[in-house]
C-alpha atoms as a PDB file:
ATOM      1  CA  MET A   1      66.589  42.938 131.131  1.00  0.00           C
ATOM      2  CA  SER A   2      65.286  45.919 133.514  1.00  0.00           C
ATOM      3  CA  ASP A   3      64.442  49.157 132.226  1.00  0.00           C
ATOM      4  CA  THR A   4      66.911  50.947 134.086  1.00  0.00           C
ATOM      5  CA  ALA A   5      69.292  48.716 132.082  1.00  0.00           C
ATOM      6  CA  SER A   6      67.932  49.583 128.662  1.00  0.00           C
ATOM      7  CA  ILE A   7      67.940  53.395 129.152  1.00  0.00           C
ATOM      8  CA  THR A   8      70.927  54.921 126.814  1.00  0.00           C
ATOM      9  CA  PRO A   9      72.669  57.850 128.714  1.00  0.00           C
ATOM     10  CA  PRO A  10      72.343  61.316 126.813  1.00  0.00           C
ATOM     11  CA  ALA A  11      75.556  62.120 124.622  1.00  0.00           C
ATOM     12  CA  PRO A  12      77.620  64.550 126.830  1.00  0.00           C
ATOM     13  CA  THR A  13      77.158  68.276 125.709  1.00  0.00           C
ATOM     14  CA  ARG A  14      79.865  69.976 123.870  1.00  0.00           C
ATOM     15  CA  ALA A  15      80.709  73.168 125.059  1.00  0.00           C
ATOM     16  CA  PRO A  16      80.217  76.191 122.464  1.00  0.00           C
ATOM     17  CA  ASP A  17      83.023  76.427 119.871  1.00  0.00           C
ATOM     18  CA  PRO A  18      84.122  80.422 120.330  1.00  0.00           C
ATOM     19  CA  LEU A  19      85.693  80.117 116.599  1.00  0.00           C
ATOM     20  CA  LEU A  20      82.342  79.253 115.318  1.00  0.00           C
ATOM     21  CA  ALA A  21      80.661  81.925 117.495  1.00  0.00           C
ATOM     22  CA  ALA A  22      82.862  84.732 115.992  1.00  0.00           C
ATOM     23  CA  VAL A  23      82.360  83.688 112.673  1.00  0.00           C
ATOM     24  CA  ARG A  24      78.569  83.758 113.211  1.00  0.00           C
ATOM     25  CA  GLY A  25      78.936  87.161 114.820  1.00  0.00           C
ATOM     26  CA  GLY A  26      80.181  88.209 111.347  1.00  0.00           C
ATOM     27  CA  VAL A  27      83.914  88.378 109.692  1.00  0.00           C
ATOM     28  CA  ARG A  28      85.253  90.074 106.754  1.00  0.00           C
ATOM     29  CA  VAL A  29      87.949  88.496 104.283  1.00  0.00           C
ATOM     30  CA  LEU A  30      90.244  90.017 102.160  1.00  0.00           C
ATOM     31  CA  ASP A  31      91.545  88.262  99.460  1.00  0.00           C
ATOM     32  CA  LEU A  32      95.957  88.380  99.620  1.00  0.00           C
ATOM     33  CA  GLY A  33      96.671  86.301  96.697  1.00  0.00           C
ATOM     34  CA  ARG A  34      96.876  87.510  92.952  1.00  0.00           C
ATOM     35  CA  ARG A  35      94.931  86.885  89.994  1.00  0.00           C
ATOM     36  CA  LEU A  36      96.883  84.003  87.584  1.00  0.00           C
ATOM     37  CA  TYR A  37      96.536  84.704  84.241  1.00  0.00           C
ATOM     38  CA  ILE A  38      98.926  84.412  81.301  1.00  0.00           C
ATOM     39  CA  GLY A  39     101.558  86.599  80.538  1.00  0.00           C
ATOM     40  CA  MET A  40     101.495  87.655  84.480  1.00  0.00           C
ATOM     41  CA  PRO A  41     104.893  88.846  85.854  1.00  0.00           C
ATOM     42  CA  GLN A  42     107.090  86.729  87.505  1.00  0.00           C
ATOM     43  CA  SER A  43     110.449  85.750  88.475  1.00  0.00           C
ATOM     44  CA  PRO A  44     112.591  84.944  84.825  1.00  0.00           C
ATOM     45  CA  ASN A  45     113.690  81.685  87.282  1.00  0.00           C
ATOM     46  CA  HIS A  46     110.568  79.543  86.914  1.00  0.00           C
ATOM     47  CA  PRO A  47     108.272  78.115  84.253  1.00  0.00           C
ATOM     48  CA  ALA A  48     105.793  80.647  83.236  1.00  0.00           C
ATOM     49  CA  TYR A  49     102.084  79.980  83.845  1.00  0.00           C
ATOM     50  CA  TRP A  50     100.045  78.533  81.173  1.00  0.00           C
ATOM     51  CA  HIS A  51      96.215  77.368  80.989  1.00  0.00           C
ATOM     52  CA  THR A  52      94.524  75.896  78.193  1.00  0.00           C
ATOM     53  CA  LEU A  53      90.890  74.099  77.665  1.00  0.00           C
ATOM     54  CA  PRO A  54      91.673  70.276  76.314  1.00  0.00           C
ATOM     55  CA  ARG A  55      88.153  70.036  76.132  1.00  0.00           C
ATOM     56  CA  ARG A  56      85.396  72.727  75.009  1.00  0.00           C
ATOM     57  CA  HIS A  57      81.815  72.654  75.555  1.00  0.00           C
ATOM     58  CA  GLY A  58      80.385  70.583  72.625  1.00  0.00           C
ATOM     59  CA  ASP A  59      83.634  68.898  71.911  1.00  0.00           C
ATOM     60  CA  ARG A  60      81.578  65.747  73.244  1.00  0.00           C
ATOM     61  CA  ILE A  61      78.015  65.758  74.506  1.00  0.00           C
ATOM     62  CA  ARG A  62      76.527  63.083  76.215  1.00  0.00           C
ATOM     63  CA  ALA A  63      73.191  61.466  75.176  1.00  0.00           C
ATOM     64  CA  ASP A  64      70.986  63.762  77.719  1.00  0.00           C
ATOM     65  CA  GLY A  65      72.446  66.899  76.112  1.00  0.00           C
ATOM     66  CA  GLY A  66      74.930  67.660  78.895  1.00  0.00           C
ATOM     67  CA  SER A  67      78.518  68.759  78.252  1.00  0.00           C
ATOM     68  CA  ALA A  68      81.494  69.629  80.083  1.00  0.00           C
ATOM     69  CA  ALA A  69      84.680  71.431  79.570  1.00  0.00           C
ATOM     70  CA  ASN A  70      87.847  71.022  81.501  1.00  0.00           C
ATOM     71  CA  ASP A  71      91.714  72.618  81.847  1.00  0.00           C
ATOM     72  CA  MET A  72      95.258  72.008  81.787  1.00  0.00           C
ATOM     73  CA  LEU A  73      97.536  74.038  83.916  1.00  0.00           C
ATOM     74  CA  VAL A  74     101.227  74.334  83.309  1.00  0.00           C
ATOM     75  CA  MET A  75     103.067  76.687  85.953  1.00  0.00           C
ATOM     76  CA  GLY A  76     106.356  76.942  88.404  1.00  0.00           C
ATOM     77  CA  THR A  77     105.320  76.328  92.261  1.00  0.00           C
ATOM     78  CA  HIS A  78     106.972  79.903  92.559  1.00  0.00           C
ATOM     79  CA  VAL A  79     104.801  81.831  90.029  1.00  0.00           C
ATOM     80  CA  GLY A  80     102.141  84.353  91.320  1.00  0.00           C
ATOM     81  CA  THR A  81     101.464  84.197  95.060  1.00  0.00           C
ATOM     82  CA  HIS A  82     103.086  81.294  96.681  1.00  0.00           C
ATOM     83  CA  ILE A  83     105.040  80.075  99.652  1.00  0.00           C
ATOM     84  CA  ASP A  84     108.661  78.841  99.501  1.00  0.00           C
ATOM     85  CA  ALA A  85     109.171  75.389 101.279  1.00  0.00           C
ATOM     86  CA  LEU A  86     112.643  75.004 103.373  1.00  0.00           C
ATOM     87  CA  ALA A  87     113.661  72.804 100.224  1.00  0.00           C
ATOM     88  CA  HIS A  88     113.864  75.899  97.904  1.00  0.00           C
ATOM     89  CA  VAL A  89     116.979  77.371  99.010  1.00  0.00           C
ATOM     90  CA  SER A  90     120.219  75.881  99.964  1.00  0.00           C
ATOM     91  CA  HIS A  91     123.653  77.491 101.777  1.00  0.00           C
ATOM     92  CA  ASN A  92     126.913  75.822 100.829  1.00  0.00           C
ATOM     93  CA  GLY A  93     125.146  72.857 100.058  1.00  0.00           C
ATOM     94  CA  ARG A  94     122.982  72.598 103.105  1.00  0.00           C
ATOM     95  CA  LEU A  95     119.177  72.927 104.022  1.00  0.00           C
ATOM     96  CA  TYR A  96     117.366  73.667 107.201  1.00  0.00           C
ATOM     97  CA  GLY A  97     118.557  71.513 109.882  1.00  0.00           C
ATOM     98  CA  GLY A  98     122.026  70.934 108.342  1.00  0.00           C
ATOM     99  CA  ALA A  99     120.621  68.312 105.822  1.00  0.00           C
ATOM    100  CA  ASP A 100     122.561  67.730 102.695  1.00  0.00           C
ATOM    101  CA  ALA A 101     120.901  69.422  99.949  1.00  0.00           C
ATOM    102  CA  ARG A 102     121.458  67.109  97.151  1.00  0.00           C
ATOM    103  CA  ALA A 103     120.973  63.882  99.397  1.00  0.00           C
ATOM    104  CA  ALA A 104     117.804  65.366 100.711  1.00  0.00           C
ATOM    105  CA  GLY A 105     116.668  65.604  97.138  1.00  0.00           C
ATOM    106  CA  VAL A 106     117.416  62.180  95.720  1.00  0.00           C
ATOM    107  CA  GLY A 107     114.746  60.783  93.681  1.00  0.00           C
ATOM    108  CA  GLY A 108     113.425  64.124  92.579  1.00  0.00           C
ATOM    109  CA  VAL A 109     111.456  65.041  95.650  1.00  0.00           C
ATOM    110  CA  TYR A 110     112.406  66.662  99.093  1.00  0.00           C
ATOM    111  CA  PRO A 111     110.599  64.111 101.625  1.00  0.00           C
ATOM    112  CA  ASP A 112     111.657  65.893 104.916  1.00  0.00           C
ATOM    113  CA  HIS A 113     111.700  69.567 103.646  1.00  0.00           C
ATOM    114  CA  GLY A 114     108.717  69.902 100.765  1.00  0.00           C
ATOM    115  CA  VAL A 115     105.642  72.269 100.718  1.00  0.00           C
ATOM    116  CA  HIS A 116     103.917  69.164 101.922  1.00  0.00           C
ATOM    117  CA  THR A 117     105.376  69.137 105.384  1.00  0.00           C
ATOM    118  CA  ILE A 118     104.274  72.974 105.533  1.00  0.00           C
ATOM    119  CA  ALA A 119     101.177  72.651 107.921  1.00  0.00           C
ATOM    120  CA  PRO A 120      97.997  74.707 107.214  1.00  0.00           C
ATOM    121  CA  MET A 121      98.146  78.138 109.044  1.00  0.00           C
ATOM    122  CA  VAL A 122      95.528  79.799 111.153  1.00  0.00           C
ATOM    123  CA  ARG A 123      97.745  82.403 112.932  1.00  0.00           C
ATOM    124  CA  ARG A 124      97.899  86.011 113.617  1.00  0.00           C
ATOM    125  CA  GLY A 125      98.902  88.096 110.615  1.00  0.00           C
ATOM    126  CA  VAL A 126     100.783  91.583 111.122  1.00  0.00           C
ATOM    127  CA  LEU A 127     100.647  93.714 108.116  1.00  0.00           C
ATOM    128  CA  LEU A 128     104.024  96.026 108.467  1.00  0.00           C
ATOM    129  CA  ASP A 129     103.315  98.890 106.045  1.00  0.00           C
ATOM    130  CA  VAL A 130     106.304 100.597 105.601  1.00  0.00           C
ATOM    131  CA  PRO A 131     105.571 103.297 102.863  1.00  0.00           C
ATOM    132  CA  ALA A 132     103.029 104.626 105.600  1.00  0.00           C
ATOM    133  CA  ALA A 133     105.417 104.578 107.996  1.00  0.00           C
ATOM    134  CA  LEU A 134     108.026 106.660 105.849  1.00  0.00           C
ATOM    135  CA  GLY A 135     105.444 108.613 104.818  1.00  0.00           C
ATOM    136  CA  ALA A 136     105.577 107.687 101.277  1.00  0.00           C
ATOM    137  CA  GLU A 137     102.804 105.674  98.564  1.00  0.00           C
ATOM    138  CA  VAL A 138     105.444 103.479  97.485  1.00  0.00           C
ATOM    139  CA  CYS A 139     109.306 102.551  98.247  1.00  0.00           C
ATOM    140  CA  GLU A 140     111.619 103.320  95.668  1.00  0.00           C
ATOM    141  CA  PRO A 141     113.142 101.186  93.282  1.00  0.00           C
ATOM    142  CA  GLY A 142     115.585  99.086  94.983  1.00  0.00           C
ATOM    143  CA  TYR A 143     115.156 100.676  98.289  1.00  0.00           C
ATOM    144  CA  GLU A 144     116.357  98.445 101.279  1.00  0.00           C
ATOM    145  CA  ILE A 145     113.958  97.856 103.906  1.00  0.00           C
ATOM    146  CA  THR A 146     115.935  98.227 107.278  1.00  0.00           C
ATOM    147  CA  VAL A 147     115.180  97.393 110.847  1.00  0.00           C
ATOM    148  CA  ALA A 148     114.551 100.624 111.649  1.00  0.00           C
ATOM    149  CA  ASP A 149     111.712 100.960 108.960  1.00  0.00           C
ATOM    150  CA  LEU A 150     110.109  97.651 110.257  1.00  0.00           C
ATOM    151  CA  GLU A 151     110.150  98.711 113.828  1.00  0.00           C
ATOM    152  CA  ALA A 152     108.803 102.453 112.827  1.00  0.00           C
ATOM    153  CA  ALA A 153     105.693 100.641 111.307  1.00  0.00           C
ATOM    154  CA  GLU A 154     105.376  98.532 114.009  1.00  0.00           C
ATOM    155  CA  ARG A 155     104.959 101.615 116.462  1.00  0.00           C
ATOM    156  CA  ARG A 156     102.834 103.725 114.095  1.00  0.00           C
ATOM    157  CA  GLN A 157     100.404 101.034 113.756  1.00  0.00           C
ATOM    158  CA  GLY A 158     100.519  99.472 117.638  1.00  0.00           C
ATOM    159  CA  THR A 159     101.032  96.015 115.988  1.00  0.00           C
ATOM    160  CA  PRO A 160     104.011  94.651 117.983  1.00  0.00           C
ATOM    161  CA  VAL A 161     105.424  91.187 115.899  1.00  0.00           C
ATOM    162  CA  GLY A 162     105.578  88.521 118.646  1.00  0.00           C
ATOM    163  CA  PRO A 163     106.582  84.707 118.272  1.00  0.00           C
ATOM    164  CA  GLY A 164     104.359  82.459 115.957  1.00  0.00           C
ATOM    165  CA  ASP A 165     103.308  85.358 114.130  1.00  0.00           C
ATOM    166  CA  VAL A 166     103.021  85.635 110.290  1.00  0.00           C
ATOM    167  CA  VAL A 167     104.420  89.241 109.044  1.00  0.00           C
ATOM    168  CA  LEU A 168     103.499  90.760 105.855  1.00  0.00           C
ATOM    169  CA  VAL A 169     105.948  93.319 104.706  1.00  0.00           C
ATOM    170  CA  ARG A 170     104.258  96.091 102.180  1.00  0.00           C
ATOM    171  CA  SER A 171     106.619  97.913 100.044  1.00  0.00           C
ATOM    172  CA  GLY A 172     103.812  99.527  97.666  1.00  0.00           C
ATOM    173  CA  TRP A 173     105.814  97.670  94.916  1.00  0.00           C
ATOM    174  CA  GLY A 174     102.534  95.217  94.343  1.00  0.00           C
ATOM    175  CA  ARG A 175     100.635  98.059  92.773  1.00  0.00           C
ATOM    176  CA  ARG A 176     102.806  97.494  89.731  1.00  0.00           C
ATOM    177  CA  PHE A 177     101.862  93.934  89.039  1.00  0.00           C
ATOM    178  CA  ASP A 178      99.156  94.869  86.490  1.00  0.00           C
ATOM    179  CA  ASP A 179     101.462  97.607  84.889  1.00  0.00           C
ATOM    180  CA  PRO A 180     101.424  97.102  81.099  1.00  0.00           C
ATOM    181  CA  GLY A 181     104.424  94.419  80.337  1.00  0.00           C
ATOM    182  CA  ARG A 182     106.396  92.530  82.855  1.00  0.00           C
ATOM    183  CA  ASP A 183     109.279  94.520  83.325  1.00  0.00           C
ATOM    184  CA  THR A 184     108.275  97.024  85.733  1.00  0.00           C
ATOM    185  CA  PHE A 185     107.190  94.525  88.234  1.00  0.00           C
ATOM    186  CA  ILE A 186     110.466  92.425  87.857  1.00  0.00           C
ATOM    187  CA  GLY A 187     112.060  95.381  88.041  1.00  0.00           C
ATOM    188  CA  HIS A 188     115.525  93.760  86.786  1.00  0.00           C
ATOM    189  CA  ASP A 189     116.655  97.348  85.701  1.00  0.00           C
ATOM    190  CA  SER A 190     115.209  99.440  88.510  1.00  0.00           C
ATOM    191  CA  GLY A 191     115.880  97.419  91.292  1.00  0.00           C
ATOM    192  CA  VAL A 192     112.835  96.158  93.595  1.00  0.00           C
ATOM    193  CA  PRO A 193     112.683  97.527  97.107  1.00  0.00           C
ATOM    194  CA  GLY A 194     112.396  94.431  99.803  1.00  0.00           C
ATOM    195  CA  VAL A 195     113.502  93.493 103.428  1.00  0.00           C
ATOM    196  CA  SER A 196     117.407  93.663 104.010  1.00  0.00           C
ATOM    197  CA  GLU A 197     119.490  90.891 105.586  1.00  0.00           C
ATOM    198  CA  ALA A 198     119.305  92.738 109.082  1.00  0.00           C
ATOM    199  CA  GLY A 199     115.395  93.077 108.560  1.00  0.00           C
ATOM    200  CA  ALA A 200     115.375  89.057 107.760  1.00  0.00           C
ATOM    201  CA  GLN A 201     117.216  88.739 111.017  1.00  0.00           C
ATOM    202  CA  TRP A 202     115.294  90.903 113.106  1.00  0.00           C
ATOM    203  CA  LEU A 203     112.077  88.842 111.719  1.00  0.00           C
ATOM    204  CA  ALA A 204     113.672  85.648 112.637  1.00  0.00           C
ATOM    205  CA  ALA A 205     114.648  86.910 116.213  1.00  0.00           C
ATOM    206  CA  ARG A 206     110.961  87.925 116.670  1.00  0.00           C
ATOM    207  CA  GLY A 207     110.345  84.191 116.115  1.00  0.00           C
ATOM    208  CA  VAL A 208     107.991  84.493 113.285  1.00  0.00           C
ATOM    209  CA  HIS A 209     106.441  81.578 111.666  1.00  0.00           C
ATOM    210  CA  ALA A 210     106.547  82.893 108.189  1.00  0.00           C
ATOM    211  CA  ALA A 211     106.984  86.459 106.439  1.00  0.00           C
ATOM    212  CA  GLY A 212     105.635  87.643 103.194  1.00  0.00           C
ATOM    213  CA  ALA A 213     105.654  90.588 101.072  1.00  0.00           C
ATOM    214  CA  ASP A 214     104.478  92.262  97.591  1.00  0.00           C
ATOM    215  CA  SER A 215     107.163  91.609  95.215  1.00  0.00           C
ATOM    216  CA  ILE A 216     108.624  88.541  93.637  1.00  0.00           C
ATOM    217  CA  ALA A 217     111.207  88.098  95.840  1.00  0.00           C
ATOM    218  CA  PHE A 218     110.468  89.237  99.166  1.00  0.00           C
ATOM    219  CA  GLU A 219     113.798  90.966  99.816  1.00  0.00           C
ATOM    220  CA  ARG A 220     115.606  93.815  97.959  1.00  0.00           C
ATOM    221  CA  LEU A 221     116.907  93.597  94.321  1.00  0.00           C
ATOM    222  CA  ALA A 222     119.544  95.835  93.257  1.00  0.00           C
ATOM    223  CA  PRO A 223     119.186  97.668  90.188  1.00  0.00           C
ATOM    224  CA  GLY A 224     120.255  95.382  87.326  1.00  0.00           C
ATOM    225  CA  ALA A 225     121.502  92.637  89.640  1.00  0.00           C
ATOM    226  CA  GLY A 226     118.492  90.578  89.758  1.00  0.00           C
ATOM    227  CA  HIS A 227     118.343  87.642  91.728  1.00  0.00           C
ATOM    228  CA  ALA A 228     122.131  87.663  92.210  1.00  0.00           C
ATOM    229  CA  SER A 229     121.955  87.712  95.676  1.00  0.00           C
ATOM    230  CA  LEU A 230     119.338  86.620  98.129  1.00  0.00           C
ATOM    231  CA  PRO A 231     120.676  87.135 101.809  1.00  0.00           C
ATOM    232  CA  ALA A 232     117.128  86.934 103.192  1.00  0.00           C
ATOM    233  CA  HIS A 233     116.179  83.851 101.745  1.00  0.00           C
ATOM    234  CA  ARG A 234     119.325  82.336 103.422  1.00  0.00           C
ATOM    235  CA  VAL A 235     118.455  83.749 106.883  1.00  0.00           C
ATOM    236  CA  LEU A 236     114.858  82.759 106.617  1.00  0.00           C
ATOM    237  CA  LEU A 237     114.681  79.450 104.848  1.00  0.00           C
ATOM    238  CA  VAL A 238     118.056  77.995 105.700  1.00  0.00           C
ATOM    239  CA  GLU A 239     119.268  79.521 108.985  1.00  0.00           C
ATOM    240  CA  ALA A 240     115.611  80.206 110.624  1.00  0.00           C
ATOM    241  CA  GLY A 241     113.524  77.675 109.203  1.00  0.00           C
ATOM    242  CA  ILE A 242     110.969  80.378 108.340  1.00  0.00           C
ATOM    243  CA  TYR A 243     108.476  80.195 105.268  1.00  0.00           C
ATOM    244  CA  ILE A 244     108.636  82.936 102.668  1.00  0.00           C
ATOM    245  CA  VAL A 245     105.374  83.795 100.729  1.00  0.00           C
ATOM    246  CA  GLU A 246     105.965  86.469  97.813  1.00  0.00           C
ATOM    247  CA  THR A 247     104.035  88.271  95.651  1.00  0.00           C
ATOM    248  CA  LEU A 248     100.950  89.139  98.127  1.00  0.00           C
ATOM    249  CA  ASP A 249      98.488  91.370  96.982  1.00  0.00           C
ATOM    250  CA  LEU A 250      98.498  93.943 100.287  1.00  0.00           C
ATOM    251  CA  GLU A 251      97.111  97.179  98.471  1.00  0.00           C
ATOM    252  CA  GLU A 252      93.505  96.656  99.763  1.00  0.00           C
ATOM    253  CA  ILE A 253      94.462  95.781 103.322  1.00  0.00           C
ATOM    254  CA  ALA A 254      96.514  98.415 103.848  1.00  0.00           C
ATOM    255  CA  ALA A 255      93.987 101.276 102.325  1.00  0.00           C
ATOM    256  CA  GLN A 256      91.951  99.899 104.796  1.00  0.00           C
ATOM    257  CA  ALA A 257      94.285 100.418 107.616  1.00  0.00           C
ATOM    258  CA  VAL A 258      94.084  96.403 108.795  1.00  0.00           C
ATOM    259  CA  HIS A 259      96.932  95.877 110.406  1.00  0.00           C
ATOM    260  CA  GLU A 260      95.990  92.824 112.650  1.00  0.00           C
ATOM    261  CA  PHE A 261      94.069  89.920 111.429  1.00  0.00           C
ATOM    262  CA  THR A 262      93.228  86.266 111.429  1.00  0.00           C
ATOM    263  CA  PHE A 263      95.788  85.181 108.630  1.00  0.00           C
ATOM    264  CA  VAL A 264      95.004  81.954 106.640  1.00  0.00           C
ATOM    265  CA  LEU A 265      96.870  79.802 104.270  1.00  0.00           C
ATOM    266  CA  SER A 266      96.898  76.232 103.245  1.00  0.00           C
ATOM    267  CA  PRO A 267      99.485  75.340 100.394  1.00  0.00           C
ATOM    268  CA  LEU A 268      98.831  72.370  98.079  1.00  0.00           C
ATOM    269  CA  PRO A 269     100.293  68.978  99.544  1.00  0.00           C
ATOM    270  CA  LEU A 270     102.560  68.785  96.276  1.00  0.00           C
ATOM    271  CA  PHE A 271     104.770  66.318  98.071  1.00  0.00           C
ATOM    272  CA  GLY A 272     108.469  66.899  97.827  1.00  0.00           C
ATOM    273  CA  ALA A 273     107.771  70.145  95.806  1.00  0.00           C
ATOM    274  CA  THR A 274     109.774  72.915  96.677  1.00  0.00           C
ATOM    275  CA  GLY A 275     106.858  75.470  96.972  1.00  0.00           C
ATOM    276  CA  SER A 276     103.484  75.845  96.263  1.00  0.00           C
ATOM    277  CA  PRO A 277     100.923  78.290  94.890  1.00  0.00           C
ATOM    278  CA  VAL A 278      98.551  79.871  97.505  1.00  0.00           C
ATOM    279  CA  ARG A 279      95.606  82.140  98.071  1.00  0.00           C
ATOM    280  CA  PRO A 280      96.437  83.537 101.316  1.00  0.00           C
ATOM    281  CA  LEU A 281      93.298  85.278 103.532  1.00  0.00           C
ATOM    282  CA  ALA A 282      92.854  88.208 106.050  1.00  0.00           C
ATOM    283  CA  VAL A 283      90.224  87.448 108.116  1.00  0.00           C
ATOM    284  CA  ILE A 284      88.722  90.236 110.475  1.00  0.00           C
ATOM    285  CA  SER A 285      85.346  90.515 112.525  1.00  0.00           C
ATOM    286  CA  ASP A 286      82.875  92.277 110.834  1.00  0.00           C
ATOM    287  CA  PRO A 287      79.124  92.242 113.101  1.00  0.00           C
ATOM    288  CA  ALA A 288      77.642  93.779 110.041  1.00  0.00           C
ATOM    289  CA  ALA A 289      78.223  90.255 108.008  1.00  0.00           C
ATOM    290  CA  GLY A 290      76.980  88.447 111.061  1.00  0.00           C
ATOM    291  CA  ASP A 291      74.263  85.670 110.363  1.00  0.00           C
ATOM    292  CA  GLY A 292      71.989  86.619 113.498  1.00  0.00           C
ATOM    293  CA  ARG A 293      73.163  83.759 115.583  1.00  0.00           C
ATOM    294  CA  GLY A 294      76.057  84.831 117.193  1.00  0.00           C
END
């Protein structure tokens, strides 16, 4: 064999990854998820969060002196910060795309509409800070967020909503999450501010990928009515195939006036489930946090 034939050609040089360069240039991460703890406020329609330690340090000790603790969790998939899959809501017996809701869940799972079908999200995120647009700190209990309110926030911030975006609507109600007791945040008697049916149609017309809010139901809950009527869920999940993220923590991101960002979210791959706990992130550039290699 000749010397020429034995030479291995060099591997092709891969072009620098602009995303990696941006990360090396420095990013700041804002956590939009709520801490999970026993007794936290939640919708009364779902199993509560419970955490216990079946094994504690010292229960079993290895010969080398090591020990380990472990956990067991019990919770509904729509507790804490979570995402609704298309299997979560039906209307007149139909899911998104016209699927028969009963037939789709035969066997106790939803193979075609379950949360495992939601791809991880790395998308443009837009925060619409409604109270700021209204000149208030928080929307009043039971306040219905209108199309005019959404458009006012959009104009004020200079962040037009576009196809494929994830739009997070702040009502300010999230600041009540850690109030003593659960009733304040749940707001059954007082009502809870949220997006109107027309507001949901506005989001659908913009072609958003997902929509979120800082309350347990995304949409407005009328005083004393609880979850008796959820038209925005019907519009987004059943009619438009748009995912809903609920119980977000939007206070820090609003305080820092971050209205446009890279939104990152990945549901747990729970096969056939109607939802999943999530920990969404808002990522923005921050040269001060760079590693010097950007």
